[in-house]
Protein backbone atom coordinates (compact mmCIF):
# COMPACT_ATOMS: atom_id res chain seq x y z
CA MET A 1 -215.35 -42.52 -36.53
CA LYS A 2 -215.28 -46.04 -38.25
CA ILE A 3 -212.74 -48.77 -37.39
CA ASP A 4 -210.49 -50.41 -40.31
CA THR A 5 -207.24 -51.57 -39.70
CA THR A 6 -206.47 -50.99 -43.17
CA SER A 7 -206.61 -48.57 -45.85
CA GLY A 8 -209.05 -48.90 -48.85
CA ASP A 9 -212.18 -49.89 -49.63
CA TYR A 10 -214.05 -53.13 -49.81
CA ASP A 11 -216.71 -54.62 -51.65
CA PHE A 12 -218.18 -57.33 -48.82
CA THR A 13 -217.74 -57.62 -45.40
CA TYR A 14 -218.08 -60.43 -42.60
CA LEU A 15 -217.65 -60.92 -39.12
CA SER A 16 -216.36 -64.20 -37.95
CA LEU A 17 -218.54 -65.32 -35.38
CA GLY A 18 -217.68 -67.80 -32.25
CA ALA A 19 -220.80 -66.97 -30.03
CA GLY A 20 -217.92 -66.31 -27.16
CA VAL A 21 -217.34 -63.12 -25.33
CA GLN A 22 -215.02 -61.44 -27.70
CA SER A 23 -216.90 -61.89 -30.77
CA SER A 24 -220.18 -61.26 -29.46
CA ALA A 25 -218.90 -58.22 -28.42
CA LEU A 26 -217.56 -56.96 -31.63
CA LEU A 27 -221.30 -58.09 -33.17
CA VAL A 28 -222.60 -55.75 -30.55
CA LEU A 29 -220.32 -52.71 -31.69
CA ALA A 30 -221.17 -53.40 -35.41
CA LEU A 31 -224.59 -53.45 -35.09
CA THR A 32 -225.07 -50.74 -32.60
CA THR A 33 -222.75 -48.50 -32.97
CA ASP A 34 -220.58 -46.82 -35.84
CA THR A 35 -217.21 -47.50 -34.10
CA VAL A 36 -217.01 -50.34 -36.64
CA PRO A 37 -218.16 -51.38 -39.86
CA THR A 38 -221.59 -52.71 -40.02
CA PRO A 39 -220.83 -56.72 -41.66
CA ASP A 40 -222.59 -57.73 -44.61
CA ALA A 41 -222.75 -61.20 -43.08
CA VAL A 42 -222.14 -62.66 -39.94
CA ILE A 43 -220.80 -66.25 -40.11
CA PHE A 44 -220.44 -69.02 -37.48
CA ALA A 45 -218.13 -71.93 -38.07
CA ASP A 46 -219.84 -74.76 -36.46
CA THR A 47 -217.31 -78.04 -36.13
CA GLY A 48 -220.36 -80.13 -34.96
CA ASP A 49 -218.68 -80.63 -31.53
CA GLU A 50 -219.37 -77.02 -29.61
CA PRO A 51 -221.01 -77.29 -25.89
CA SER A 52 -224.87 -76.99 -25.53
CA TRP A 53 -224.36 -73.51 -24.51
CA VAL A 54 -222.89 -72.45 -27.37
CA TYR A 55 -225.24 -73.49 -29.91
CA ASP A 56 -227.95 -72.16 -27.33
CA TYR A 57 -226.62 -68.55 -27.38
CA LEU A 58 -225.65 -68.64 -30.95
CA ALA A 59 -229.56 -69.28 -31.37
CA THR A 60 -230.00 -66.13 -29.33
CA LEU A 61 -227.41 -64.03 -31.08
CA ALA A 62 -229.19 -64.90 -34.26
CA MET A 63 -232.25 -63.88 -33.41
CA TRP A 64 -230.72 -60.37 -32.15
CA SER A 65 -228.60 -59.63 -35.31
CA GLN A 66 -231.73 -60.21 -37.44
CA ARG A 67 -233.51 -57.71 -35.60
CA HIS A 68 -230.50 -55.38 -36.43
CA GLY A 69 -231.11 -56.53 -40.16
CA VAL A 70 -228.11 -58.64 -40.21
CA THR A 71 -228.22 -62.42 -40.95
CA VAL A 72 -226.22 -64.75 -39.14
CA TYR A 73 -225.00 -68.20 -41.37
CA LEU A 74 -224.11 -71.28 -40.62
CA ALA A 75 -220.84 -72.89 -42.47
CA ARG A 76 -220.07 -76.37 -41.81
CA LYS A 77 -217.89 -79.20 -43.08
CA GLY A 78 -219.13 -81.74 -40.83
CA ARG A 79 -218.63 -83.16 -37.19
CA LEU A 80 -214.48 -82.76 -36.38
CA SER A 81 -214.77 -85.54 -33.72
CA GLU A 82 -216.25 -88.24 -36.46
CA TRP A 83 -213.41 -87.01 -39.06
CA VAL A 84 -210.47 -87.54 -36.11
CA ILE A 85 -211.95 -90.77 -35.16
CA ASP A 86 -213.89 -92.58 -37.74
CA ARG A 87 -211.36 -91.75 -40.76
CA GLN A 88 -208.62 -92.67 -38.21
CA ARG A 89 -210.16 -96.03 -37.55
CA ASN A 90 -210.35 -96.82 -41.08
CA GLY A 91 -206.45 -95.51 -41.87
CA GLU A 92 -208.01 -92.75 -44.02
CA ARG A 93 -206.40 -89.08 -43.55
CA PHE A 94 -207.51 -87.63 -40.63
CA VAL A 95 -207.75 -84.09 -39.34
CA SER A 96 -205.17 -83.49 -36.55
CA VAL A 97 -206.16 -81.67 -33.29
CA PRO A 98 -203.40 -80.43 -31.19
CA VAL A 99 -203.24 -83.44 -28.56
CA TYR A 100 -200.90 -84.28 -26.17
CA THR A 101 -198.58 -87.29 -26.83
CA ALA A 102 -197.17 -89.20 -24.01
CA ALA A 103 -192.93 -90.28 -24.18
CA PRO A 104 -192.29 -93.70 -23.85
CA ASP A 105 -191.41 -93.00 -20.08
CA GLY A 106 -194.77 -91.25 -19.59
CA GLY A 107 -194.35 -88.08 -19.28
CA ARG A 108 -195.26 -85.53 -22.26
CA GLU A 109 -193.57 -85.62 -25.28
CA GLY A 110 -195.10 -83.06 -27.32
CA MET A 111 -198.64 -81.85 -29.21
CA LEU A 112 -199.74 -83.13 -32.96
CA ARG A 113 -200.00 -80.23 -35.71
CA ARG A 114 -203.00 -78.72 -35.66
CA GLN A 115 -205.25 -78.55 -38.72
CA CYS A 116 -208.76 -78.20 -37.15
CA THR A 117 -208.70 -74.59 -37.38
CA ARG A 118 -208.27 -74.01 -40.84
CA GLU A 119 -210.05 -77.32 -42.09
CA PHE A 120 -213.45 -76.97 -39.46
CA LYS A 121 -213.19 -72.98 -39.20
CA VAL A 122 -211.49 -71.02 -41.67
CA GLU A 123 -211.89 -73.07 -44.76
CA PRO A 124 -215.56 -73.62 -44.12
CA ILE A 125 -216.33 -69.56 -43.57
CA VAL A 126 -214.30 -68.99 -46.57
CA LYS A 127 -216.35 -71.26 -48.68
CA LYS A 128 -219.16 -69.83 -47.66
CA VAL A 129 -218.25 -66.28 -47.88
CA ARG A 130 -217.63 -67.49 -51.58
CA GLU A 131 -221.25 -68.71 -51.91
CA LEU A 132 -222.99 -65.40 -50.65
CA LEU A 133 -220.81 -63.79 -53.45
CA GLY A 134 -222.15 -66.09 -55.81
CA TYR A 135 -219.16 -67.82 -57.33
CA GLU A 136 -218.77 -71.28 -57.97
CA PRO A 137 -216.20 -73.64 -56.57
CA ARG A 138 -212.35 -72.82 -58.27
CA ARG A 139 -213.50 -69.62 -60.07
CA ARG A 140 -211.18 -66.64 -58.90
CA VAL A 141 -212.70 -64.10 -56.60
CA ARG A 142 -212.39 -60.64 -57.85
CA GLU A 143 -214.03 -58.78 -54.83
CA SER A 144 -212.05 -57.37 -51.97
CA VAL A 145 -213.59 -58.91 -48.94
CA ARG A 146 -213.07 -57.67 -45.19
CA SER A 147 -212.96 -60.17 -42.56
CA MET A 148 -213.82 -58.48 -38.47
CA LEU A 149 -212.32 -61.15 -36.01
CA GLY A 150 -213.14 -60.82 -32.49
CA ILE A 151 -209.65 -60.88 -30.78
CA THR A 152 -208.81 -58.23 -27.95
CA ILE A 153 -205.71 -56.50 -26.93
CA ASP A 154 -204.79 -59.07 -24.56
CA GLU A 155 -204.55 -61.97 -27.27
CA VAL A 156 -202.36 -59.75 -29.71
CA GLN A 157 -200.47 -62.81 -30.97
CA ARG A 158 -203.29 -64.38 -32.51
CA MET A 159 -203.55 -61.83 -35.17
CA LYS A 160 -202.41 -63.12 -38.33
CA PRO A 161 -202.90 -62.33 -42.02
CA SER A 162 -205.67 -64.31 -44.10
CA TRP A 163 -204.81 -67.10 -46.02
CA HIS A 164 -206.68 -65.93 -48.74
CA LYS A 165 -205.24 -62.61 -50.63
CA TRP A 166 -208.81 -61.44 -51.44
CA ILE A 167 -209.58 -61.81 -47.95
CA THR A 168 -208.18 -58.90 -45.22
CA ASN A 169 -208.05 -59.76 -41.82
CA THR A 170 -208.96 -56.72 -39.26
CA PHE A 171 -209.13 -56.80 -35.51
CA PRO A 172 -211.60 -53.90 -34.53
CA LEU A 173 -211.44 -54.81 -31.10
CA VAL A 174 -207.60 -54.45 -30.65
CA ASP A 175 -208.28 -50.88 -32.45
CA LEU A 176 -210.71 -49.85 -30.07
CA GLY A 177 -207.88 -51.04 -27.25
CA LEU A 178 -210.21 -53.25 -25.60
CA HIS A 179 -209.66 -56.12 -23.42
CA ARG A 180 -211.44 -59.44 -22.84
CA HIS A 181 -213.15 -58.09 -19.37
CA ASP A 182 -214.42 -54.64 -21.57
CA CYS A 183 -216.17 -57.20 -24.10
CA MET A 184 -218.71 -58.81 -21.21
CA LYS A 185 -220.22 -55.32 -20.11
CA ILE A 186 -220.86 -54.29 -23.90
CA VAL A 187 -222.72 -57.40 -24.50
CA THR A 188 -224.49 -57.39 -21.29
CA ASP A 189 -225.29 -53.75 -21.58
CA VAL A 190 -227.64 -54.07 -24.47
CA GLY A 191 -229.49 -56.67 -22.72
CA LEU A 192 -227.92 -59.81 -23.71
CA PRO A 193 -227.25 -62.65 -21.23
CA GLU A 194 -223.57 -63.57 -20.41
CA PRO A 195 -221.68 -65.66 -23.26
CA GLN A 196 -219.40 -68.47 -21.78
CA LYS A 197 -216.25 -69.42 -23.74
CA SER A 198 -216.30 -71.00 -27.28
CA ALA A 199 -214.60 -73.94 -28.12
CA CYS A 200 -215.14 -77.50 -28.88
CA VAL A 201 -215.87 -79.56 -25.34
CA TYR A 202 -212.47 -81.60 -25.98
CA CYS A 203 -210.04 -78.91 -26.88
CA PRO A 204 -206.73 -79.64 -25.27
CA TYR A 205 -206.33 -75.86 -24.29
CA HIS A 206 -208.57 -75.66 -21.92
CA SER A 207 -207.34 -75.04 -18.52
CA ASP A 208 -207.67 -77.15 -15.65
CA THR A 209 -210.08 -74.54 -14.13
CA TYR A 210 -212.10 -74.79 -16.78
CA TRP A 211 -211.93 -78.66 -16.92
CA GLN A 212 -213.06 -79.06 -13.52
CA TRP A 213 -216.20 -76.62 -13.72
CA MET A 214 -217.40 -78.19 -16.78
CA LYS A 215 -216.96 -81.99 -14.77
CA ASP A 216 -218.98 -80.41 -12.23
CA ALA A 217 -221.57 -77.97 -14.04
CA GLU A 218 -222.10 -79.84 -17.28
CA PRO A 219 -221.52 -83.61 -16.66
CA GLU A 220 -222.85 -84.13 -20.39
CA ALA A 221 -220.41 -82.07 -22.17
CA PHE A 222 -217.58 -83.69 -19.97
CA ALA A 223 -218.64 -87.24 -20.96
CA GLN A 224 -218.68 -86.16 -24.71
CA ALA A 225 -214.75 -84.95 -24.06
CA VAL A 226 -213.88 -88.05 -21.83
CA ALA A 227 -215.80 -90.26 -24.81
CA PHE A 228 -213.25 -88.42 -27.24
CA ASP A 229 -210.20 -88.79 -25.08
CA HIS A 230 -210.65 -92.76 -24.61
CA ALA A 231 -210.92 -92.96 -28.84
CA ILE A 232 -208.04 -91.08 -29.82
CA ARG A 233 -205.48 -92.94 -27.49
CA ASP A 234 -204.03 -94.64 -30.40
CA MET A 235 -204.42 -92.11 -33.20
CA THR A 236 -200.34 -91.24 -33.48
CA MET A 237 -198.23 -92.76 -36.26
CA ARG A 238 -196.33 -94.42 -33.29
CA GLY A 239 -199.73 -95.96 -31.91
CA ARG A 240 -199.46 -97.37 -28.53
CA ASP A 241 -195.73 -96.17 -27.97
CA GLN A 242 -196.40 -92.75 -28.13
CA PRO A 243 -200.53 -92.80 -26.82
CA ALA A 244 -202.59 -89.46 -27.15
CA TYR A 245 -204.52 -87.54 -24.82
CA VAL A 246 -206.63 -84.57 -24.64
CA HIS A 247 -205.25 -83.39 -21.17
CA ARG A 248 -201.70 -81.87 -20.58
CA SER A 249 -201.07 -84.52 -17.76
CA CYS A 250 -201.17 -87.28 -20.70
CA VAL A 251 -203.47 -89.56 -18.34
CA PRO A 252 -206.96 -90.45 -19.40
CA LEU A 253 -208.93 -87.18 -19.18
CA ASP A 254 -211.62 -88.92 -16.52
CA GLU A 255 -208.60 -89.90 -14.39
CA ALA A 256 -206.57 -86.54 -14.33
CA ASN A 257 -206.23 -84.37 -11.24
CA PHE A 258 -207.18 -81.04 -12.08
CA ASP A 259 -204.96 -78.30 -10.32
CA THR A 260 -207.54 -75.19 -10.08
CA THR A 261 -205.10 -73.45 -7.63
CA ASP A 262 -202.35 -72.30 -9.93
CA PRO A 263 -202.94 -68.66 -11.17
CA ASP A 264 -200.36 -69.28 -13.79
CA GLN A 265 -202.11 -71.76 -15.80
CA VAL A 266 -205.09 -70.10 -18.00
CA ASP A 267 -207.01 -70.90 -21.31
CA MET A 268 -204.85 -70.33 -24.32
CA TRP A 269 -207.34 -68.51 -25.62
CA ALA A 270 -211.27 -67.88 -24.72
CA GLU A 271 -212.97 -68.21 -28.24
CA CYS A 272 -212.40 -70.05 -31.35
CA GLU A 273 -214.21 -68.31 -34.03
CA GLY A 274 -211.79 -69.18 -37.20
CA MET A 275 -208.38 -67.93 -35.70
CA CYS A 276 -207.73 -70.31 -33.01
CA GLY A 277 -204.15 -69.88 -32.09
CA VAL A 278 -203.10 -70.19 -35.71
């Protein structure tokens, strides 16, 4: 029996792919089993700042998916880091990334509002869906559309309705009672390599364990994150009175001490596929 978290029929179904563990498992289930609907399209929203291993894995998934008769499409607004840094330098409106801000005493003040998810993940995917359905800009969509999102039962707090009335968000992995650790086996059982976490290299939600791994194993990606961290330092409205940082300690990323022994510190989510904590 196919899983459907809502009643009714749909004219078009797409799978939001992040090329991480959960959405890759959802793709496998959709194309090799009858437990979830087969999508009409698979869409990857590219921020331009994913690490190299995500792009490599995306290429692998795209070829695998094509062999099963489904195309993986790319949706992209631009490069997120350029929108943040260049526009901020030019005094234009910039897309807010949820970086940490420092208080006058050097402690952590809070986080900036997160806009990157909607503007660089959700809306590019919606634009691609409209394009695939043959709609011109600003034309009202008449079809009913189902979005399948790779969220597991250990991340139910991420389950949210769509911002668009004509799109219904569904969560097949939750319906199946699957956890993230179940997803890895689903992927490798069909012969695909193990996926890694999918998120921008400078994502402020990385755990210290992940930061340390990136610093040791992927120095180029870590250097990219460090460069972004330095570039955003005075991006807040108060500028240097309330500087911004990628790391929760509110010190420069290349000077941060990563506590990899804290069992309570985990990534706030493991994959950014269009519902990144919204």
